[in-house]
Amino acid sequence: MASDKSFADYILEQIQDAGEVSSIKMFGEYGVYCDGKIVALVCDNQFYVKPTGGGRSFIGNPVEAAPYPGAKPYFLIKENLEDPDWMSELIKITANELPVSKKKRK
């Protein structure tokens, strides 16, 4: 099931204080970026954040689930979706721990 653009836009509104945030539609779902790094996915109208040590500590006891069949587990965020301060802080922590993506060679 593809995600609704309105849900992806809602997530971007909630995390707008994390940095420069954007999303890109991919196969009916959305990749969520912060400061040029992919930090999360919106799949089936659910929000999945890339797992990091800092994110795990911040959340406490995260629920982990695969955003799509065959994917590695991400943190599935169901609680706190309506708390923009909490959401932005989680995304800041996640982005700070992830490496800068390498550009693909042509």
C-alpha atoms as a PDB file:
ATOM      1  CA  MET A   1       0.000   0.000   0.000  1.00  0.00           C
ATOM      2  CA  ALA A   2       1.432   3.368  -0.973  1.00  0.00           C
ATOM      3  CA  SER A   3       1.712   6.194   1.550  1.00  0.00           C
ATOM      4  CA  ASP A   4      -0.377   9.336   1.269  1.00  0.00           C
ATOM      5  CA  LYS A   5       1.515  12.513   0.395  1.00  0.00           C
ATOM      6  CA  SER A   6      -0.463  14.269   3.124  1.00  0.00           C
ATOM      7  CA  PHE A   7       1.004  11.919   5.770  1.00  0.00           C
ATOM      8  CA  ALA A   8       4.554  12.458   4.471  1.00  0.00           C
ATOM      9  CA  ASP A   9       3.938  16.234   4.522  1.00  0.00           C
ATOM     10  CA  TYR A  10       2.630  15.961   8.101  1.00  0.00           C
ATOM     11  CA  ILE A  11       5.840  14.196   9.158  1.00  0.00           C
ATOM     12  CA  LEU A  12       7.921  16.956   7.536  1.00  0.00           C
ATOM     13  CA  GLU A  13       5.936  19.575   9.465  1.00  0.00           C
ATOM     14  CA  GLN A  14       6.549  17.709  12.712  1.00  0.00           C
ATOM     15  CA  ILE A  15      10.332  17.529  12.173  1.00  0.00           C
ATOM     16  CA  GLN A  16      10.884  20.946  10.586  1.00  0.00           C
ATOM     17  CA  ASP A  17      13.036  22.137  13.520  1.00  0.00           C
ATOM     18  CA  ALA A  18      15.532  19.282  13.025  1.00  0.00           C
ATOM     19  CA  GLY A  19      17.339  21.023  10.163  1.00  0.00           C
ATOM     20  CA  GLU A  20      16.812  21.159   6.421  1.00  0.00           C
ATOM     21  CA  VAL A  21      14.187  18.443   5.916  1.00  0.00           C
ATOM     22  CA  SER A  22      12.678  17.101   2.726  1.00  0.00           C
ATOM     23  CA  SER A  23      11.167  13.950   1.280  1.00  0.00           C
ATOM     24  CA  ILE A  24      11.481  12.118  -2.000  1.00  0.00           C
ATOM     25  CA  LYS A  25       8.837   9.760  -3.345  1.00  0.00           C
ATOM     26  CA  MET A  26      10.231   6.283  -3.954  1.00  0.00           C
ATOM     27  CA  PHE A  27       8.081   3.419  -5.248  1.00  0.00           C
ATOM     28  CA  GLY A  28       4.922   4.881  -3.701  1.00  0.00           C
ATOM     29  CA  GLU A  29       6.634   5.501  -0.362  1.00  0.00           C
ATOM     30  CA  TYR A  30       8.843   8.365   0.859  1.00  0.00           C
ATOM     31  CA  GLY A  31      12.456   8.754   1.907  1.00  0.00           C
ATOM     32  CA  VAL A  32      12.874  11.461   4.562  1.00  0.00           C
ATOM     33  CA  TYR A  33      16.059  13.532   4.524  1.00  0.00           C
ATOM     34  CA  CYS A  34      17.629  15.848   7.090  1.00  0.00           C
ATOM     35  CA  ASP A  35      20.600  17.984   6.085  1.00  0.00           C
ATOM     36  CA  GLY A  36      21.159  15.827   2.999  1.00  0.00           C
ATOM     37  CA  LYS A  37      21.119  12.478   4.857  1.00  0.00           C
ATOM     38  CA  ILE A  38      18.342   9.923   4.577  1.00  0.00           C
ATOM     39  CA  VAL A  39      17.169   9.512   8.166  1.00  0.00           C
ATOM     40  CA  ALA A  40      13.762   7.864   7.885  1.00  0.00           C
ATOM     41  CA  LEU A  41      11.129   6.303   5.665  1.00  0.00           C
ATOM     42  CA  VAL A  42       7.387   6.743   5.390  1.00  0.00           C
ATOM     43  CA  CYS A  43       5.943   3.379   4.355  1.00  0.00           C
ATOM     44  CA  ASP A  44       2.282   2.360   4.495  1.00  0.00           C
ATOM     45  CA  ASN A  45       1.563   5.654   6.283  1.00  0.00           C
ATOM     46  CA  GLN A  46       3.882   4.734   9.126  1.00  0.00           C
ATOM     47  CA  PHE A  47       7.084   6.495  10.195  1.00  0.00           C
ATOM     48  CA  TYR A  48      10.322   4.491  10.379  1.00  0.00           C
ATOM     49  CA  VAL A  49      13.559   6.084  11.641  1.00  0.00           C
ATOM     50  CA  LYS A  50      16.996   4.652  10.883  1.00  0.00           C
ATOM     51  CA  PRO A  51      18.374   2.974  13.989  1.00  0.00           C
ATOM     52  CA  THR A  52      21.293   4.633  15.781  1.00  0.00           C
ATOM     53  CA  GLY A  53      22.699   4.302  19.283  1.00  0.00           C
ATOM     54  CA  GLY A  54      21.690   7.844  20.154  1.00  0.00           C
ATOM     55  CA  GLY A  55      18.189   7.318  18.802  1.00  0.00           C
ATOM     56  CA  ARG A  56      17.829   4.138  20.833  1.00  0.00           C
ATOM     57  CA  SER A  57      18.899   5.967  24.009  1.00  0.00           C
ATOM     58  CA  PHE A  58      16.570   8.881  23.276  1.00  0.00           C
ATOM     59  CA  ILE A  59      13.535   6.666  22.626  1.00  0.00           C
ATOM     60  CA  GLY A  60      14.284   4.320  25.506  1.00  0.00           C
ATOM     61  CA  ASN A  61      12.754   1.067  24.328  1.00  0.00           C
ATOM     62  CA  PRO A  62      12.049   1.448  20.613  1.00  0.00           C
ATOM     63  CA  VAL A  63       9.731  -0.781  18.632  1.00  0.00           C
ATOM     64  CA  GLU A  64      11.690  -2.184  15.701  1.00  0.00           C
ATOM     65  CA  ALA A  65      10.089  -3.298  12.449  1.00  0.00           C
ATOM     66  CA  ALA A  66      10.998  -3.634   8.794  1.00  0.00           C
ATOM     67  CA  PRO A  67       9.449  -0.849   6.693  1.00  0.00           C
ATOM     68  CA  TYR A  68       9.046  -3.250   3.745  1.00  0.00           C
ATOM     69  CA  PRO A  69       9.679  -6.960   3.135  1.00  0.00           C
ATOM     70  CA  GLY A  70      13.370  -7.828   3.219  1.00  0.00           C
ATOM     71  CA  ALA A  71      14.446  -4.549   4.855  1.00  0.00           C
ATOM     72  CA  LYS A  72      16.531  -4.300   7.997  1.00  0.00           C
ATOM     73  CA  PRO A  73      14.574  -3.201  11.081  1.00  0.00           C
ATOM     74  CA  TYR A  74      14.064   0.518  11.683  1.00  0.00           C
ATOM     75  CA  PHE A  75      12.582   2.248  14.718  1.00  0.00           C
ATOM     76  CA  LEU A  76       8.818   2.328  14.155  1.00  0.00           C
ATOM     77  CA  ILE A  77       7.511   5.581  15.623  1.00  0.00           C
ATOM     78  CA  LYS A  78       3.857   5.438  16.627  1.00  0.00           C
ATOM     79  CA  GLU A  79       3.955   7.357  19.896  1.00  0.00           C
ATOM     80  CA  ASN A  80       4.945  11.030  19.928  1.00  0.00           C
ATOM     81  CA  LEU A  81       4.026  11.674  16.268  1.00  0.00           C
ATOM     82  CA  GLU A  82       2.098  14.709  17.487  1.00  0.00           C
ATOM     83  CA  ASP A  83       5.038  16.084  19.512  1.00  0.00           C
ATOM     84  CA  PRO A  84       7.150  18.183  17.118  1.00  0.00           C
ATOM     85  CA  ASP A  85       9.846  18.921  19.725  1.00  0.00           C
ATOM     86  CA  TRP A  86      10.351  15.219  20.457  1.00  0.00           C
ATOM     87  CA  MET A  87      10.226  14.268  16.780  1.00  0.00           C
ATOM     88  CA  SER A  88      12.680  17.012  15.757  1.00  0.00           C
ATOM     89  CA  GLU A  89      15.111  16.020  18.499  1.00  0.00           C
ATOM     90  CA  LEU A  90      15.022  12.362  17.421  1.00  0.00           C
ATOM     91  CA  ILE A  91      15.742  13.340  13.811  1.00  0.00           C
ATOM     92  CA  LYS A  92      18.596  15.681  14.873  1.00  0.00           C
ATOM     93  CA  ILE A  93      20.181  12.884  16.915  1.00  0.00           C
ATOM     94  CA  THR A  94      19.772  10.422  14.051  1.00  0.00           C
ATOM     95  CA  ALA A  95      21.187  12.787  11.405  1.00  0.00           C
ATOM     96  CA  ASN A  96      24.186  13.630  13.591  1.00  0.00           C
ATOM     97  CA  GLU A  97      25.120   9.948  13.901  1.00  0.00           C
ATOM     98  CA  LEU A  98      24.724   9.003  10.254  1.00  0.00           C
ATOM     99  CA  PRO A  99      27.592   9.432   7.786  1.00  0.00           C
ATOM    100  CA  VAL A 100      27.302  11.816   4.855  1.00  0.00           C
ATOM    101  CA  SER A 101      26.042   9.836   1.884  1.00  0.00           C
ATOM    102  CA  LYS A 102      28.533   9.174  -0.853  1.00  0.00           C
ATOM    103  CA  LYS A 103      27.623  10.430  -4.296  1.00  0.00           C
ATOM    104  CA  LYS A 104      27.226   7.699  -6.889  1.00  0.00           C
ATOM    105  CA  ARG A 105      29.808   7.594  -9.643  1.00  0.00           C
ATOM    106  CA  LYS A 106      28.560   7.807 -13.199  1.00  0.00           C
END
